[in-house]
């Protein structure tokens, strides 16, 4: 139901930036607690546009000190499109993980916000 609602609301806004933000879950206690993952689904009908947006965002995130970042791609649509079919600027973002401290998350969110601002100003 939520996806259909979002679909109706985004219909006229193909270039609206949509972010689906969550926290990763890990088994290892040595995982990177300040890692930002940009998740894409290759089966999405807007994959090419979203990949371009994710690459721009990754380029900016790589300039941020203290955090690491990467793009993770899924080939099939079994995990849905993560709302990537709603806009040309959509990405699922995993910030840190369940082992991250509040300060880890704050630092990562700050880096993400600065990176998004830099893309918008281009």
Protein backbone atom coordinates (compact mmCIF):
# COMPACT_ATOMS: atom_id res chain seq x y z
CA UNK A 1 0.00 0.00 0.00
CA UNK A 2 2.74 2.45 0.86
CA UNK A 3 4.50 1.85 -2.45
CA UNK A 4 1.30 2.57 -4.38
CA UNK A 5 0.77 5.76 -2.36
CA UNK A 6 4.35 6.88 -3.09
CA UNK A 7 3.90 6.00 -6.74
CA UNK A 8 0.85 8.27 -7.02
CA UNK A 9 2.60 11.12 -5.20
CA UNK A 10 5.80 10.88 -7.26
CA UNK A 11 4.16 10.47 -10.65
CA UNK A 12 4.73 14.09 -11.67
CA UNK A 13 8.12 14.40 -9.98
CA UNK A 14 10.41 12.03 -11.88
CA UNK A 15 13.54 13.93 -10.79
CA UNK A 16 12.67 14.25 -7.11
CA UNK A 17 15.36 12.91 -4.80
CA UNK A 18 13.98 10.00 -2.78
CA UNK A 19 16.10 8.38 -0.07
CA UNK A 20 15.18 5.17 1.72
CA UNK A 21 17.46 5.22 4.77
CA UNK A 22 18.05 2.31 7.13
CA UNK A 23 20.72 0.75 9.32
CA UNK A 24 22.48 -2.46 8.31
CA UNK A 25 22.60 -5.57 10.52
CA UNK A 26 25.89 -7.43 10.86
CA UNK A 27 27.19 -10.53 12.64
CA UNK A 28 30.78 -9.35 13.03
CA UNK A 29 31.94 -7.12 15.86
CA UNK A 30 34.76 -5.83 13.63
CA UNK A 31 32.53 -4.40 10.90
CA UNK A 32 32.88 -0.78 9.79
CA UNK A 33 30.48 1.23 11.95
CA UNK A 34 30.79 4.35 9.76
CA UNK A 35 30.11 2.76 6.41
CA UNK A 36 27.49 4.15 4.04
CA UNK A 37 26.14 1.68 1.49
CA UNK A 38 24.21 2.84 -1.56
CA UNK A 39 21.98 -0.03 -2.65
CA UNK A 40 20.70 -0.37 -6.23
CA UNK A 41 18.57 -2.93 -8.02
CA UNK A 42 19.53 -3.54 -11.64
CA UNK A 43 16.00 -4.79 -12.40
CA UNK A 44 14.53 -1.35 -11.67
CA UNK A 45 13.10 0.40 -14.74
CA UNK A 46 15.03 3.53 -13.68
CA UNK A 47 18.28 1.73 -12.88
CA UNK A 48 20.42 3.72 -15.33
CA UNK A 49 19.29 7.10 -13.92
CA UNK A 50 19.54 5.93 -10.30
CA UNK A 51 23.04 4.53 -10.93
CA UNK A 52 24.13 7.93 -12.23
CA UNK A 53 22.71 9.59 -9.08
CA UNK A 54 24.39 6.98 -6.83
CA UNK A 55 27.75 7.50 -8.60
CA UNK A 56 27.51 11.27 -8.06
CA UNK A 57 26.68 10.72 -4.40
CA UNK A 58 29.50 8.19 -3.98
CA UNK A 59 31.96 10.63 -5.54
CA UNK A 60 31.03 13.21 -2.90
CA UNK A 61 31.02 10.67 -0.05
CA UNK A 62 34.55 9.57 -0.97
CA UNK A 63 35.70 13.13 -0.16
CA UNK A 64 34.32 12.87 3.39
CA UNK A 65 36.83 12.00 6.07
CA UNK A 66 35.99 9.43 8.72
CA UNK A 67 33.40 7.47 6.73
CA UNK A 68 33.65 4.81 4.06
CA UNK A 69 31.16 4.23 1.28
CA UNK A 70 30.35 1.87 -1.54
CA UNK A 71 27.66 0.98 -4.06
CA UNK A 72 26.08 -2.46 -3.68
CA UNK A 73 24.05 -3.77 -6.61
CA UNK A 74 21.47 -6.54 -6.78
CA UNK A 75 20.69 -8.09 -10.15
CA UNK A 76 17.21 -9.40 -9.51
CA UNK A 77 14.03 -7.73 -8.45
CA UNK A 78 13.25 -10.28 -5.73
CA UNK A 79 14.08 -7.65 -3.11
CA UNK A 80 11.72 -5.21 -4.85
CA UNK A 81 13.06 -2.04 -6.35
CA UNK A 82 13.61 -0.26 -3.00
CA UNK A 83 11.29 2.43 -4.45
CA UNK A 84 13.85 2.99 -7.23
CA UNK A 85 11.08 2.84 -9.81
CA UNK A 86 9.54 6.07 -8.43
CA UNK A 87 12.21 8.60 -9.40
CA UNK A 88 15.41 9.07 -11.36
CA UNK A 89 17.22 10.07 -8.15
CA UNK A 90 16.39 7.27 -5.75
CA UNK A 91 18.68 5.05 -3.71
CA UNK A 92 18.43 2.84 -0.65
CA UNK A 93 21.03 4.01 1.86
CA UNK A 94 22.32 1.90 4.73
CA UNK A 95 24.08 4.04 7.32
CA UNK A 96 26.32 2.21 9.74
CA UNK A 97 25.02 -0.95 11.34
CA UNK A 98 23.55 -2.28 14.55
CA UNK A 99 27.01 -2.00 16.18
CA UNK A 100 27.33 1.73 15.37
CA UNK A 101 27.34 4.24 18.19
CA UNK A 102 25.20 7.37 18.12
CA UNK A 103 28.29 9.42 17.27
CA UNK A 104 29.14 7.02 14.38
CA UNK A 105 25.65 7.55 12.96
CA UNK A 106 25.77 11.32 13.49
CA UNK A 107 29.10 11.54 11.67
CA UNK A 108 27.81 9.39 8.81
CA UNK A 109 24.57 11.37 8.49
CA UNK A 110 26.57 14.61 8.45
CA UNK A 111 28.75 13.29 5.62
CA UNK A 112 25.66 12.17 3.71
CA UNK A 113 23.96 15.55 4.15
CA UNK A 114 27.04 17.45 2.94
CA UNK A 115 27.38 15.11 -0.03
CA UNK A 116 23.74 15.56 -1.02
CA UNK A 117 24.09 19.33 -0.71
CA UNK A 118 27.15 19.27 -2.99
CA UNK A 119 25.24 17.31 -5.63
CA UNK A 120 22.28 19.72 -5.46
CA UNK A 121 24.61 22.69 -5.90
CA UNK A 122 26.21 21.31 -9.06
